[in-house]
PDB file of N, CA and C in Angstrom:
ATOM      1  N   MET A   1     180.446   5.649 178.958  1.00  0.00           N
ATOM      2  CA  MET A   1     179.561   5.075 177.967  1.00  0.00           C
ATOM      3  C   MET A   1     178.390   4.456 178.706  1.00  0.00           C
ATOM      4  N   LYS A   2     177.222   4.727 178.214  1.00  0.00           N
ATOM      5  CA  LYS A   2     176.009   4.159 178.787  1.00  0.00           C
ATOM      6  C   LYS A   2     175.486   3.084 177.842  1.00  0.00           C
ATOM      7  N   MET A   3     174.875   2.049 178.409  1.00  0.00           N
ATOM      8  CA  MET A   3     174.267   1.013 177.597  1.00  0.00           C
ATOM      9  C   MET A   3     172.843   0.785 178.082  1.00  0.00           C
ATOM     10  N   ARG A   4     171.946   0.670 177.140  1.00  0.00           N
ATOM     11  CA  ARG A   4     170.559   0.315 177.441  1.00  0.00           C
ATOM     12  C   ARG A   4     170.208  -0.889 176.589  1.00  0.00           C
ATOM     13  N   CYS A   5     169.690  -1.929 177.220  1.00  0.00           N
ATOM     14  CA  CYS A   5     169.259  -3.137 176.518  1.00  0.00           C
ATOM     15  C   CYS A   5     167.771  -3.338 176.748  1.00  0.00           C
ATOM     16  N   VAL A   6     167.038  -3.485 175.679  1.00  0.00           N
ATOM     17  CA  VAL A   6     165.614  -3.767 175.749  1.00  0.00           C
ATOM     18  C   VAL A   6     165.306  -4.794 174.671  1.00  0.00           C
ATOM     19  N   GLN A   7     164.734  -5.916 175.066  1.00  0.00           N
ATOM     20  CA  GLN A   7     164.433  -7.016 174.147  1.00  0.00           C
ATOM     21  C   GLN A   7     165.631  -7.283 173.251  1.00  0.00           C
ATOM     22  N   ASP A   8     165.509  -7.197 171.960  1.00  0.00           N
ATOM     23  CA  ASP A   8     166.623  -7.461 171.050  1.00  0.00           C
ATOM     24  C   ASP A   8     167.221  -6.153 170.549  1.00  0.00           C
ATOM     25  N   SER A   9     167.565  -5.279 171.489  1.00  0.00           N
ATOM     26  CA  SER A   9     168.096  -3.966 171.143  1.00  0.00           C
ATOM     27  C   SER A   9     169.193  -3.567 172.124  1.00  0.00           C
ATOM     28  N   ILE A  10     170.289  -3.029 171.575  1.00  0.00           N
ATOM     29  CA  ILE A  10     171.387  -2.490 172.379  1.00  0.00           C
ATOM     30  C   ILE A  10     171.608  -1.051 171.930  1.00  0.00           C
ATOM     31  N   ARG A  11     171.637  -0.146 172.896  1.00  0.00           N
ATOM     32  CA  ARG A  11     171.872   1.269 172.600  1.00  0.00           C
ATOM     33  C   ARG A  11     173.046   1.742 173.440  1.00  0.00           C
ATOM     34  N   LEU A  12     174.066   2.280 172.785  1.00  0.00           N
ATOM     35  CA  LEU A  12     175.222   2.847 173.468  1.00  0.00           C
ATOM     36  C   LEU A  12     175.201   4.356 173.282  1.00  0.00           C
ATOM     37  N   ARG A  13     175.497   5.089 174.361  1.00  0.00           N
ATOM     38  CA  ARG A  13     175.584   6.549 174.303  1.00  0.00           C
ATOM     39  C   ARG A  13     176.942   6.962 174.838  1.00  0.00           C
ATOM     40  N   LEU A  14     177.676   7.732 174.023  1.00  0.00           N
ATOM     41  CA  LEU A  14     179.046   8.097 174.370  1.00  0.00           C
ATOM     42  C   LEU A  14     179.199   9.592 174.587  1.00  0.00           C
ATOM     43  N   ARG A  15     180.025   9.930 175.578  1.00  0.00           N
ATOM     44  CA  ARG A  15     180.386  11.323 175.864  1.00  0.00           C
ATOM     45  C   ARG A  15     181.455  11.780 174.874  1.00  0.00           C
ATOM     46  N   LYS A  16     181.675  13.085 174.825  1.00  0.00           N
ATOM     47  CA  LYS A  16     182.682  13.659 173.924  1.00  0.00           C
ATOM     48  C   LYS A  16     184.060  13.042 174.158  1.00  0.00           C
ATOM     49  N   SER A  17     184.466  12.923 175.420  1.00  0.00           N
ATOM     50  CA  SER A  17     185.792  12.390 175.729  1.00  0.00           C
ATOM     51  C   SER A  17     185.937  10.933 175.281  1.00  0.00           C
ATOM     52  N   GLU A  18     184.871  10.167 175.372  1.00  0.00           N
ATOM     53  CA  GLU A  18     184.923   8.767 174.942  1.00  0.00           C
ATOM     54  C   GLU A  18     185.036   8.674 173.419  1.00  0.00           C
ATOM     55  N   ILE A  19     184.317   9.546 172.726  1.00  0.00           N
ATOM     56  CA  ILE A  19     184.397   9.547 171.266  1.00  0.00           C
ATOM     57  C   ILE A  19     185.777  10.001 170.810  1.00  0.00           C
ATOM     58  N   GLU A  20     186.354  10.935 171.528  1.00  0.00           N
ATOM     59  CA  GLU A  20     187.722  11.365 171.221  1.00  0.00           C
ATOM     60  C   GLU A  20     188.697  10.197 171.381  1.00  0.00           C
ATOM     61  N   GLN A  21     188.560   9.428 172.450  1.00  0.00           N
ATOM     62  CA  GLN A  21     189.421   8.263 172.677  1.00  0.00           C
ATOM     63  C   GLN A  21     189.200   7.208 171.591  1.00  0.00           C
ATOM     64  N   LEU A  22     187.946   6.960 171.242  1.00  0.00           N
ATOM     65  CA  LEU A  22     187.627   6.000 170.186  1.00  0.00           C
ATOM     66  C   LEU A  22     188.318   6.408 168.887  1.00  0.00           C
ATOM     67  N   GLY A  23     188.304   7.704 168.580  1.00  0.00           N
ATOM     68  CA  GLY A  23     188.953   8.213 167.380  1.00  0.00           C
ATOM     69  C   GLY A  23     190.457   7.995 167.371  1.00  0.00           C
ATOM     70  N   LYS A  24     191.047   7.846 168.555  1.00  0.00           N
ATOM     71  CA  LYS A  24     192.491   7.583 168.675  1.00  0.00           C
ATOM     72  C   LYS A  24     192.796   6.092 168.669  1.00  0.00           C
ATOM     73  N   GLY A  25     191.753   5.274 168.473  1.00  0.00           N
ATOM     74  CA  GLY A  25     191.958   3.832 168.420  1.00  0.00           C
ATOM     75  C   GLY A  25     191.832   3.121 169.745  1.00  0.00           C
ATOM     76  N   VAL A  26     191.419   3.831 170.784  1.00  0.00           N
ATOM     77  CA  VAL A  26     191.250   3.227 172.109  1.00  0.00           C
ATOM     78  C   VAL A  26     189.913   2.492 172.167  1.00  0.00           C
ATOM     79  N   THR A  27     189.910   1.281 172.709  1.00  0.00           N
ATOM     80  CA  THR A  27     188.669   0.553 172.938  1.00  0.00           C
ATOM     81  C   THR A  27     188.019   1.100 174.202  1.00  0.00           C
ATOM     82  N   ILE A  28     186.752   1.478 174.109  1.00  0.00           N
ATOM     83  CA  ILE A  28     186.009   2.008 175.248  1.00  0.00           C
ATOM     84  C   ILE A  28     185.356   0.824 175.966  1.00  0.00           C
ATOM     85  N   VAL A  29     185.600   0.699 177.267  1.00  0.00           N
ATOM     86  CA  VAL A  29     185.085  -0.433 178.040  1.00  0.00           C
ATOM     87  C   VAL A  29     184.433   0.076 179.311  1.00  0.00           C
ATOM     88  N   GLU A  30     183.272  -0.456 179.616  1.00  0.00           N
ATOM     89  CA  GLU A  30     182.592  -0.218 180.899  1.00  0.00           C
ATOM     90  C   GLU A  30     182.364  -1.560 181.557  1.00  0.00           C
ATOM     91  N   GLU A  31     182.349  -1.564 182.885  1.00  0.00           N
ATOM     92  CA  GLU A  31     182.190  -2.802 183.633  1.00  0.00           C
ATOM     93  C   GLU A  31     181.168  -2.612 184.738  1.00  0.00           C
ATOM     94  N   VAL A  32     180.339  -3.625 184.933  1.00  0.00           N
ATOM     95  CA  VAL A  32     179.346  -3.622 186.002  1.00  0.00           C
ATOM     96  C   VAL A  32     179.661  -4.812 186.909  1.00  0.00           C
ATOM     97  N   GLY A  33     179.999  -4.507 188.145  1.00  0.00           N
ATOM     98  CA  GLY A  33     180.307  -5.561 189.108  1.00  0.00           C
ATOM     99  C   GLY A  33     179.050  -6.032 189.823  1.00  0.00           C
ATOM    100  N   PHE A  34     179.104  -7.245 190.335  1.00  0.00           N
ATOM    101  CA  PHE A  34     177.999  -7.829 191.085  1.00  0.00           C
ATOM    102  C   PHE A  34     178.533  -8.377 192.401  1.00  0.00           C
ATOM    103  N   PRO A  35     177.704  -8.414 193.428  1.00  0.00           N
ATOM    104  CA  PRO A  35     178.144  -8.944 194.721  1.00  0.00           C
ATOM    105  C   PRO A  35     178.555 -10.413 194.619  1.00  0.00           C
ATOM    106  N   GLY A  36     179.369 -10.812 195.542  1.00  0.00           N
ATOM    107  CA  GLY A  36     179.790 -12.208 195.600  1.00  0.00           C
ATOM    108  C   GLY A  36     180.884 -12.505 194.596  1.00  0.00           C
ATOM    109  N   GLU A  37     180.971 -13.741 194.210  1.00  0.00           N
ATOM    110  CA  GLU A  37     182.035 -14.186 193.324  1.00  0.00           C
ATOM    111  C   GLU A  37     181.605 -14.216 191.873  1.00  0.00           C
ATOM    112  N   THR A  38     180.478 -13.586 191.575  1.00  0.00           N
ATOM    113  CA  THR A  38     179.973 -13.534 190.210  1.00  0.00           C
ATOM    114  C   THR A  38     180.898 -12.677 189.351  1.00  0.00           C
ATOM    115  N   PRO A  39     181.222 -13.138 188.144  1.00  0.00           N
ATOM    116  CA  PRO A  39     182.051 -12.302 187.265  1.00  0.00           C
ATOM    117  C   PRO A  39     181.331 -11.005 186.890  1.00  0.00           C
ATOM    118  N   SER A  40     182.095  -9.984 186.596  1.00  0.00           N
ATOM    119  CA  SER A  40     181.528  -8.717 186.160  1.00  0.00           C
ATOM    120  C   SER A  40     180.978  -8.859 184.739  1.00  0.00           C
ATOM    121  N   LEU A  41     180.018  -8.025 184.428  1.00  0.00           N
ATOM    122  CA  LEU A  41     179.523  -7.890 183.069  1.00  0.00           C
ATOM    123  C   LEU A  41     180.196  -6.653 182.492  1.00  0.00           C
ATOM    124  N   SER A  42     180.741  -6.749 181.304  1.00  0.00           N
ATOM    125  CA  SER A  42     181.345  -5.575 180.686  1.00  0.00           C
ATOM    126  C   SER A  42     180.819  -5.428 179.266  1.00  0.00           C
ATOM    127  N   PHE A  43     180.964  -4.214 178.769  1.00  0.00           N
ATOM    128  CA  PHE A  43     180.605  -3.945 177.378  1.00  0.00           C
ATOM    129  C   PHE A  43     181.643  -3.023 176.789  1.00  0.00           C
ATOM    130  N   SER A  44     181.933  -3.240 175.505  1.00  0.00           N
ATOM    131  CA  SER A  44     183.004  -2.490 174.872  1.00  0.00           C
ATOM    132  C   SER A  44     182.608  -2.033 173.478  1.00  0.00           C
ATOM    133  N   LEU A  45     183.288  -0.979 173.034  1.00  0.00           N
ATOM    134  CA  LEU A  45     183.108  -0.441 171.693  1.00  0.00           C
ATOM    135  C   LEU A  45     184.487  -0.144 171.131  1.00  0.00           C
ATOM    136  N   LYS A  46     184.747  -0.640 169.934  1.00  0.00           N
ATOM    137  CA  LYS A  46     186.016  -0.335 169.291  1.00  0.00           C
ATOM    138  C   LYS A  46     185.796  -0.202 167.795  1.00  0.00           C
ATOM    139  N   MET A  47     186.756   0.467 167.139  1.00  0.00           N
ATOM    140  CA  MET A  47     186.706   0.547 165.692  1.00  0.00           C
ATOM    141  C   MET A  47     187.880  -0.233 165.121  1.00  0.00           C
ATOM    142  N   THR A  48     187.669  -0.780 163.927  1.00  0.00           N
ATOM    143  CA  THR A  48     188.701  -1.558 163.264  1.00  0.00           C
ATOM    144  C   THR A  48     188.514  -1.446 161.756  1.00  0.00           C
ATOM    145  N   ASP A  49     189.581  -1.646 161.023  1.00  0.00           N
ATOM    146  CA  ASP A  49     189.467  -1.668 159.568  1.00  0.00           C
ATOM    147  C   ASP A  49     189.312  -3.101 159.055  1.00  0.00           C
ATOM    148  N   GLU A  50     189.065  -4.025 159.979  1.00  0.00           N
ATOM    149  CA  GLU A  50     188.951  -5.441 159.625  1.00  0.00           C
ATOM    150  C   GLU A  50     187.518  -5.910 159.452  1.00  0.00           C
ATOM    151  N   THR A  51     186.540  -4.994 159.433  1.00  0.00           N
ATOM    152  CA  THR A  51     185.150  -5.380 159.254  1.00  0.00           C
ATOM    153  C   THR A  51     184.475  -4.409 158.287  1.00  0.00           C
ATOM    154  N   ALA A  52     183.492  -4.905 157.581  1.00  0.00           N
ATOM    155  CA  ALA A  52     182.778  -4.079 156.599  1.00  0.00           C
ATOM    156  C   ALA A  52     181.521  -3.444 157.185  1.00  0.00           C
ATOM    157  N   GLY A  53     181.044  -3.958 158.306  1.00  0.00           N
ATOM    158  CA  GLY A  53     179.829  -3.429 158.920  1.00  0.00           C
ATOM    159  C   GLY A  53     179.899  -3.520 160.425  1.00  0.00           C
ATOM    160  N   ILE A  54     178.968  -2.857 161.091  1.00  0.00           N
ATOM    161  CA  ILE A  54     178.908  -2.919 162.551  1.00  0.00           C
ATOM    162  C   ILE A  54     178.645  -4.364 162.971  1.00  0.00           C
ATOM    163  N   GLN A  55     179.369  -4.812 163.980  1.00  0.00           N
ATOM    164  CA  GLN A  55     179.210  -6.169 164.496  1.00  0.00           C
ATOM    165  C   GLN A  55     178.924  -6.131 165.985  1.00  0.00           C
ATOM    166  N   ALA A  56     178.240  -7.156 166.470  1.00  0.00           N
ATOM    167  CA  ALA A  56     177.983  -7.310 167.903  1.00  0.00           C
ATOM    168  C   ALA A  56     178.231  -8.760 168.279  1.00  0.00           C
ATOM    169  N   MET A  57     178.914  -8.962 169.410  1.00  0.00           N
ATOM    170  CA  MET A  57     179.226 -10.304 169.890  1.00  0.00           C
ATOM    171  C   MET A  57     179.073 -10.346 171.407  1.00  0.00           C
ATOM    172  N   PHE A  58     178.849 -11.528 171.916  1.00  0.00           N
ATOM    173  CA  PHE A  58     178.864 -11.751 173.358  1.00  0.00           C
ATOM    174  C   PHE A  58     179.928 -12.799 173.617  1.00  0.00           C
ATOM    175  N   VAL A  59     181.064 -12.373 174.189  1.00  0.00           N
ATOM    176  CA  VAL A  59     182.211 -13.242 174.399  1.00  0.00           C
ATOM    177  C   VAL A  59     182.545 -13.229 175.887  1.00  0.00           C
ATOM    178  N   GLY A  60     182.554 -14.418 176.500  1.00  0.00           N
ATOM    179  CA  GLY A  60     182.795 -14.486 177.941  1.00  0.00           C
ATOM    180  C   GLY A  60     181.676 -13.759 178.657  1.00  0.00           C
ATOM    181  N   HIS A  61     182.004 -12.717 179.364  1.00  0.00           N
ATOM    182  CA  HIS A  61     181.007 -11.906 180.055  1.00  0.00           C
ATOM    183  C   HIS A  61     181.002 -10.484 179.499  1.00  0.00           C
ATOM    184  N   GLN A  62     181.348 -10.374 178.200  1.00  0.00           N
ATOM    185  CA  GLN A  62     181.453  -9.041 177.602  1.00  0.00           C
ATOM    186  C   GLN A  62     180.633  -8.938 176.316  1.00  0.00           C
ATOM    187  N   ILE A  63     179.860  -7.858 176.237  1.00  0.00           N
ATOM    188  CA  ILE A  63     179.181  -7.483 175.002  1.00  0.00           C
ATOM    189  C   ILE A  63     180.168  -6.625 174.225  1.00  0.00           C
ATOM    190  N   GLN A  64     180.494  -7.030 173.018  1.00  0.00           N
ATOM    191  CA  GLN A  64     181.469  -6.317 172.198  1.00  0.00           C
ATOM    192  C   GLN A  64     180.781  -5.770 170.946  1.00  0.00           C
ATOM    193  N   ILE A  65     180.932  -4.475 170.729  1.00  0.00           N
ATOM    194  CA  ILE A  65     180.420  -3.826 169.534  1.00  0.00           C
ATOM    195  C   ILE A  65     181.626  -3.309 168.756  1.00  0.00           C
ATOM    196  N   ILE A  66     181.649  -3.587 167.460  1.00  0.00           N
ATOM    197  CA  ILE A  66     182.768  -3.193 166.605  1.00  0.00           C
ATOM    198  C   ILE A  66     182.218  -2.366 165.445  1.00  0.00           C
ATOM    199  N   ILE A  67     182.883  -1.237 165.181  1.00  0.00           N
ATOM    200  CA  ILE A  67     182.482  -0.341 164.096  1.00  0.00           C
ATOM    201  C   ILE A  67     183.607  -0.301 163.063  1.00  0.00           C
ATOM    202  N   PRO A  68     183.270  -0.360 161.769  1.00  0.00           N
ATOM    203  CA  PRO A  68     184.315  -0.196 160.752  1.00  0.00           C
ATOM    204  C   PRO A  68     184.972   1.179 160.867  1.00  0.00           C
ATOM    205  N   GLN A  69     186.281   1.236 160.725  1.00  0.00           N
ATOM    206  CA  GLN A  69     187.029   2.473 160.900  1.00  0.00           C
ATOM    207  C   GLN A  69     186.519   3.611 160.009  1.00  0.00           C
ATOM    208  N   PRO A  70     186.271   3.404 158.710  1.00  0.00           N
ATOM    209  CA  PRO A  70     185.789   4.530 157.892  1.00  0.00           C
ATOM    210  C   PRO A  70     184.442   5.082 158.373  1.00  0.00           C
ATOM    211  N   GLN A  71     183.544   4.206 158.758  1.00  0.00           N
ATOM    212  CA  GLN A  71     182.228   4.620 159.253  1.00  0.00           C
ATOM    213  C   GLN A  71     182.361   5.348 160.591  1.00  0.00           C
ATOM    214  N   ALA A  72     183.199   4.834 161.472  1.00  0.00           N
ATOM    215  CA  ALA A  72     183.418   5.461 162.784  1.00  0.00           C
ATOM    216  C   ALA A  72     184.049   6.840 162.626  1.00  0.00           C
ATOM    217  N   THR A  73     185.050   6.945 161.765  1.00  0.00           N
ATOM    218  CA  THR A  73     185.739   8.225 161.564  1.00  0.00           C
ATOM    219  C   THR A  73     184.784   9.285 161.025  1.00  0.00           C
ATOM    220  N   LYS A  74     183.962   8.914 160.076  1.00  0.00           N
ATOM    221  CA  LYS A  74     182.979   9.852 159.517  1.00  0.00           C
ATOM    222  C   LYS A  74     182.026  10.330 160.614  1.00  0.00           C
ATOM    223  N   TRP A  75     181.556   9.408 161.436  1.00  0.00           N
ATOM    224  CA  TRP A  75     180.633   9.738 162.527  1.00  0.00           C
ATOM    225  C   TRP A  75     181.304  10.627 163.570  1.00  0.00           C
ATOM    226  N   ILE A  76     182.508  10.277 163.960  1.00  0.00           N
ATOM    227  CA  ILE A  76     183.248  11.023 164.979  1.00  0.00           C
ATOM    228  C   ILE A  76     183.475  12.469 164.554  1.00  0.00           C
ATOM    229  N   ASN A  77     183.791  12.675 163.291  1.00  0.00           N
ATOM    230  CA  ASN A  77     184.180  13.995 162.791  1.00  0.00           C
ATOM    231  C   ASN A  77     183.037  14.781 162.154  1.00  0.00           C
ATOM    232  N   SER A  78     181.795  14.429 162.482  1.00  0.00           N
ATOM    233  CA  SER A  78     180.652  15.126 161.895  1.00  0.00           C
ATOM    234  C   SER A  78     179.603  15.419 162.962  1.00  0.00           C
ATOM    235  N   ASN A  79     178.537  16.074 162.550  1.00  0.00           N
ATOM    236  CA  ASN A  79     177.396  16.317 163.435  1.00  0.00           C
ATOM    237  C   ASN A  79     176.410  15.158 163.420  1.00  0.00           C
ATOM    238  N   GLN A  80     176.758  14.089 162.747  1.00  0.00           N
ATOM    239  CA  GLN A  80     175.897  12.905 162.714  1.00  0.00           C
ATOM    240  C   GLN A  80     175.736  12.394 164.140  1.00  0.00           C
ATOM    241  N   VAL A  81     174.498  12.201 164.562  1.00  0.00           N
ATOM    242  CA  VAL A  81     174.226  11.823 165.945  1.00  0.00           C
ATOM    243  C   VAL A  81     174.500  10.352 166.212  1.00  0.00           C
ATOM    244  N   GLY A  82     174.116   9.478 165.287  1.00  0.00           N
ATOM    245  CA  GLY A  82     174.232   8.066 165.605  1.00  0.00           C
ATOM    246  C   GLY A  82     174.533   7.162 164.438  1.00  0.00           C
ATOM    247  N   LEU A  83     174.873   5.932 164.781  1.00  0.00           N
ATOM    248  CA  LEU A  83     175.070   4.844 163.839  1.00  0.00           C
ATOM    249  C   LEU A  83     174.084   3.752 164.219  1.00  0.00           C
ATOM    250  N   GLU A  84     173.504   3.109 163.222  1.00  0.00           N
ATOM    251  CA  GLU A  84     172.461   2.127 163.497  1.00  0.00           C
ATOM    252  C   GLU A  84     172.579   0.962 162.532  1.00  0.00           C
ATOM    253  N   THR A  85     172.295  -0.226 163.040  1.00  0.00           N
ATOM    254  CA  THR A  85     172.262  -1.408 162.191  1.00  0.00           C
ATOM    255  C   THR A  85     171.310  -2.434 162.783  1.00  0.00           C
ATOM    256  N   PHE A  86     170.907  -3.371 161.966  1.00  0.00           N
ATOM    257  CA  PHE A  86     170.093  -4.506 162.383  1.00  0.00           C
ATOM    258  C   PHE A  86     170.849  -5.762 161.981  1.00  0.00           C
ATOM    259  N   LEU A  87     171.152  -6.608 162.960  1.00  0.00           N
ATOM    260  CA  LEU A  87     171.909  -7.827 162.714  1.00  0.00           C
ATOM    261  C   LEU A  87     170.993  -9.032 162.832  1.00  0.00           C
ATOM    262  N   PRO A  88     171.155 -10.013 161.945  1.00  0.00           N
ATOM    263  CA  PRO A  88     170.240 -11.163 161.950  1.00  0.00           C
ATOM    264  C   PRO A  88     170.420 -12.043 163.186  1.00  0.00           C
ATOM    265  N   LEU A  89     169.284 -12.436 163.742  1.00  0.00           N
ATOM    266  CA  LEU A  89     169.233 -13.452 164.792  1.00  0.00           C
ATOM    267  C   LEU A  89     168.480 -14.624 164.169  1.00  0.00           C
ATOM    268  N   GLN A  90     167.740 -15.354 164.948  1.00  0.00           N
ATOM    269  CA  GLN A  90     166.906 -16.408 164.371  1.00  0.00           C
ATOM    270  C   GLN A  90     165.692 -15.746 163.729  1.00  0.00           C
ATOM    271  N   ASN A  91     165.377 -16.149 162.493  1.00  0.00           N
ATOM    272  CA  ASN A  91     164.247 -15.532 161.775  1.00  0.00           C
ATOM    273  C   ASN A  91     163.002 -15.547 162.627  1.00  0.00           C
ATOM    274  N   PRO A  92     162.217 -14.503 162.626  1.00  0.00           N
ATOM    275  CA  PRO A  92     162.391 -13.231 161.923  1.00  0.00           C
ATOM    276  C   PRO A  92     163.083 -12.177 162.793  1.00  0.00           C
ATOM    277  N   LYS A  93     163.672 -12.594 163.900  1.00  0.00           N
ATOM    278  CA  LYS A  93     164.254 -11.638 164.844  1.00  0.00           C
ATOM    279  C   LYS A  93     165.534 -11.004 164.313  1.00  0.00           C
ATOM    280  N   GLN A  94     165.782  -9.757 164.788  1.00  0.00           N
ATOM    281  CA  GLN A  94     167.005  -9.042 164.485  1.00  0.00           C
ATOM    282  C   GLN A  94     167.485  -8.351 165.756  1.00  0.00           C
ATOM    283  N   LEU A  95     168.794  -8.154 165.859  1.00  0.00           N
ATOM    284  CA  LEU A  95     169.374  -7.380 166.941  1.00  0.00           C
ATOM    285  C   LEU A  95     169.547  -5.955 166.440  1.00  0.00           C
ATOM    286  N   HIS A  96     168.887  -5.021 167.092  1.00  0.00           N
ATOM    287  CA  HIS A  96     168.982  -3.604 166.739  1.00  0.00           C
ATOM    288  C   HIS A  96     170.136  -3.005 167.547  1.00  0.00           C
ATOM    289  N   VAL A  97     171.129  -2.426 166.863  1.00  0.00           N
ATOM    290  CA  VAL A  97     172.273  -1.797 167.517  1.00  0.00           C
ATOM    291  C   VAL A  97     172.267  -0.316 167.156  1.00  0.00           C
ATOM    292  N   LEU A  98     172.270   0.533 168.172  1.00  0.00           N
ATOM    293  CA  LEU A  98     172.272   1.974 167.989  1.00  0.00           C
ATOM    294  C   LEU A  98     173.399   2.559 168.840  1.00  0.00           C
ATOM    295  N   ILE A  99     174.273   3.322 168.199  1.00  0.00           N
ATOM    296  CA  ILE A  99     175.408   3.957 168.876  1.00  0.00           C
ATOM    297  C   ILE A  99     175.244   5.452 168.680  1.00  0.00           C
ATOM    298  N   GLU A 100     175.171   6.213 169.783  1.00  0.00           N
ATOM    299  CA  GLU A 100     174.845   7.632 169.689  1.00  0.00           C
ATOM    300  C   GLU A 100     175.791   8.503 170.496  1.00  0.00           C
ATOM    301  N   LYS A 101     175.864   9.762 170.083  1.00  0.00           N
ATOM    302  CA  LYS A 101     176.509  10.791 170.882  1.00  0.00           C
ATOM    303  C   LYS A 101     175.534  11.154 172.000  1.00  0.00           C
ATOM    304  N   ASP A 102     176.037  11.287 173.215  1.00  0.00           N
ATOM    305  CA  ASP A 102     175.191  11.492 174.393  1.00  0.00           C
ATOM    306  C   ASP A 102     174.815  12.965 174.565  1.00  0.00           C
ATOM    307  N   PHE A 103     173.533  13.215 174.732  1.00  0.00           N
ATOM    308  CA  PHE A 103     172.999  14.564 174.939  1.00  0.00           C
ATOM    309  C   PHE A 103     172.708  14.781 176.420  1.00  0.00           C
ATOM    310  N   PRO A 104     172.722  16.031 176.854  1.00  0.00           N
ATOM    311  CA  PRO A 104     172.364  16.312 178.253  1.00  0.00           C
ATOM    312  C   PRO A 104     170.863  16.143 178.470  1.00  0.00           C
ATOM    313  N   CYS A 105     170.498  15.799 179.683  1.00  0.00           N
ATOM    314  CA  CYS A 105     169.090  15.694 180.065  1.00  0.00           C
ATOM    315  C   CYS A 105     168.654  17.023 180.671  1.00  0.00           C
ATOM    316  N   LYS A 106     167.565  17.561 180.192  1.00  0.00           N
ATOM    317  CA  LYS A 106     167.074  18.849 180.703  1.00  0.00           C
ATOM    318  C   LYS A 106     166.545  18.729 182.130  1.00  0.00           C
ATOM    319  N   ASP A 107     166.112  17.536 182.522  1.00  0.00           N
ATOM    320  CA  ASP A 107     165.514  17.375 183.851  1.00  0.00           C
ATOM    321  C   ASP A 107     166.524  16.957 184.916  1.00  0.00           C
ATOM    322  N   ARG A 108     167.810  16.957 184.586  1.00  0.00           N
ATOM    323  CA  ARG A 108     168.859  16.621 185.559  1.00  0.00           C
ATOM    324  C   ARG A 108     169.769  17.833 185.724  1.00  0.00           C
ATOM    325  N   GLU A 109     169.362  18.725 186.597  1.00  0.00           N
ATOM    326  CA  GLU A 109     170.088  19.982 186.783  1.00  0.00           C
ATOM    327  C   GLU A 109     171.495  19.782 187.319  1.00  0.00           C
ATOM    328  N   ASN A 110     171.726  18.740 188.107  1.00  0.00           N
ATOM    329  CA  ASN A 110     173.036  18.502 188.711  1.00  0.00           C
ATOM    330  C   ASN A 110     173.997  17.743 187.798  1.00  0.00           C
ATOM    331  N   GLU A 111     173.532  17.323 186.623  1.00  0.00           N
ATOM    332  CA  GLU A 111     174.365  16.561 185.692  1.00  0.00           C
ATOM    333  C   GLU A 111     175.469  17.453 185.107  1.00  0.00           C
ATOM    334  N   ASP A 112     176.691  16.930 185.051  1.00  0.00           N
ATOM    335  CA  ASP A 112     177.800  17.651 184.409  1.00  0.00           C
ATOM    336  C   ASP A 112     177.604  17.553 182.903  1.00  0.00           C
ATOM    337  N   LYS A 113     177.287  18.680 182.282  1.00  0.00           N
ATOM    338  CA  LYS A 113     176.964  18.705 180.863  1.00  0.00           C
ATOM    339  C   LYS A 113     178.154  19.060 179.972  1.00  0.00           C
ATOM    340  N   ASN A 114     179.322  19.300 180.563  1.00  0.00           N
ATOM    341  CA  ASN A 114     180.495  19.727 179.799  1.00  0.00           C
ATOM    342  C   ASN A 114     180.993  18.676 178.811  1.00  0.00           C
ATOM    343  N   ASP A 115     180.775  17.409 179.103  1.00  0.00           N
ATOM    344  CA  ASP A 115     181.301  16.331 178.265  1.00  0.00           C
ATOM    345  C   ASP A 115     180.212  15.720 177.384  1.00  0.00           C
ATOM    346  N   LEU A 116     179.094  16.428 177.251  1.00  0.00           N
ATOM    347  CA  LEU A 116     177.959  15.935 176.468  1.00  0.00           C
ATOM    348  C   LEU A 116     177.771  16.793 175.218  1.00  0.00           C
ATOM    349  N   PHE A 117     176.971  16.334 174.299  1.00  0.00           N
ATOM    350  CA  PHE A 117     176.772  17.003 173.018  1.00  0.00           C
ATOM    351  C   PHE A 117     175.553  17.925 173.042  1.00  0.00           C
ATOM    352  N   GLY A 118     175.578  18.911 173.935  1.00  0.00           N
ATOM    353  CA  GLY A 118     174.489  19.878 174.016  1.00  0.00           C
ATOM    354  C   GLY A 118     174.336  20.690 172.750  1.00  0.00           C
ATOM    355  N   ASP A 119     175.435  20.913 172.036  1.00  0.00           N
ATOM    356  CA  ASP A 119     175.392  21.689 170.801  1.00  0.00           C
ATOM    357  C   ASP A 119     174.635  20.970 169.692  1.00  0.00           C
ATOM    358  N   LEU A 120     174.503  19.656 169.759  1.00  0.00           N
ATOM    359  CA  LEU A 120     173.770  18.897 168.747  1.00  0.00           C
ATOM    360  C   LEU A 120     172.331  18.606 169.168  1.00  0.00           C
ATOM    361  N   ALA A 121     172.019  18.859 170.437  1.00  0.00           N
ATOM    362  CA  ALA A 121     170.693  18.534 170.962  1.00  0.00           C
ATOM    363  C   ALA A 121     169.643  19.468 170.383  1.00  0.00           C
ATOM    364  N   GLU A 122     168.466  18.935 170.228  1.00  0.00           N
ATOM    365  CA  GLU A 122     167.326  19.746 169.795  1.00  0.00           C
ATOM    366  C   GLU A 122     167.040  20.762 170.897  1.00  0.00           C
ATOM    367  N   GLU A 123     166.411  21.843 170.524  1.00  0.00           N
ATOM    368  CA  GLU A 123     166.093  22.870 171.518  1.00  0.00           C
ATOM    369  C   GLU A 123     165.152  22.353 172.587  1.00  0.00           C
ATOM    370  N   GLU A 124     164.244  21.495 172.217  1.00  0.00           N
ATOM    371  CA  GLU A 124     163.286  20.941 173.172  1.00  0.00           C
ATOM    372  C   GLU A 124     163.607  19.471 173.445  1.00  0.00           C
ATOM    373  N   VAL A 125     164.687  19.234 174.168  1.00  0.00           N
ATOM    374  CA  VAL A 125     165.050  17.872 174.518  1.00  0.00           C
ATOM    375  C   VAL A 125     164.065  17.375 175.572  1.00  0.00           C
ATOM    376  N   LYS A 126     163.492  16.225 175.315  1.00  0.00           N
ATOM    377  CA  LYS A 126     162.541  15.638 176.257  1.00  0.00           C
ATOM    378  C   LYS A 126     163.296  15.068 177.450  1.00  0.00           C
ATOM    379  N   ALA A 127     162.586  14.864 178.529  1.00  0.00           N
ATOM    380  CA  ALA A 127     163.185  14.283 179.728  1.00  0.00           C
ATOM    381  C   ALA A 127     163.737  12.903 179.410  1.00  0.00           C
ATOM    382  N   CYS A 128     164.822  12.548 180.063  1.00  0.00           N
ATOM    383  CA  CYS A 128     165.476  11.247 179.814  1.00  0.00           C
ATOM    384  C   CYS A 128     164.699  10.122 180.445  1.00  0.00           C
TER     385      CYS A 128
END
């Protein structure tokens, strides 16, 4: 799972195998370590039937994104590329959350594309 953060925006991109695991109820977790005794930063994505909408939290040193099970299942089992929501911060700011199926990059010839959603990609995918 890849994460990109820009201003008040979080974008997650998942490979086929990660989406398959998510569909089985597995929480997807990535961790970024830092030198020294600094705690790692991690980010996770899970689905649950205990929420009505996509949620985002920062707990400890982990960014947690939660998707409602019906919404996640529909996304997992379709050609739908992404899920998107805007969560309220302090007015007028909002946190933009985008969760997408990961496409191959045309400009990375050495990239393993077997676990990516090339079948859903546009014919003219722009460079990453």
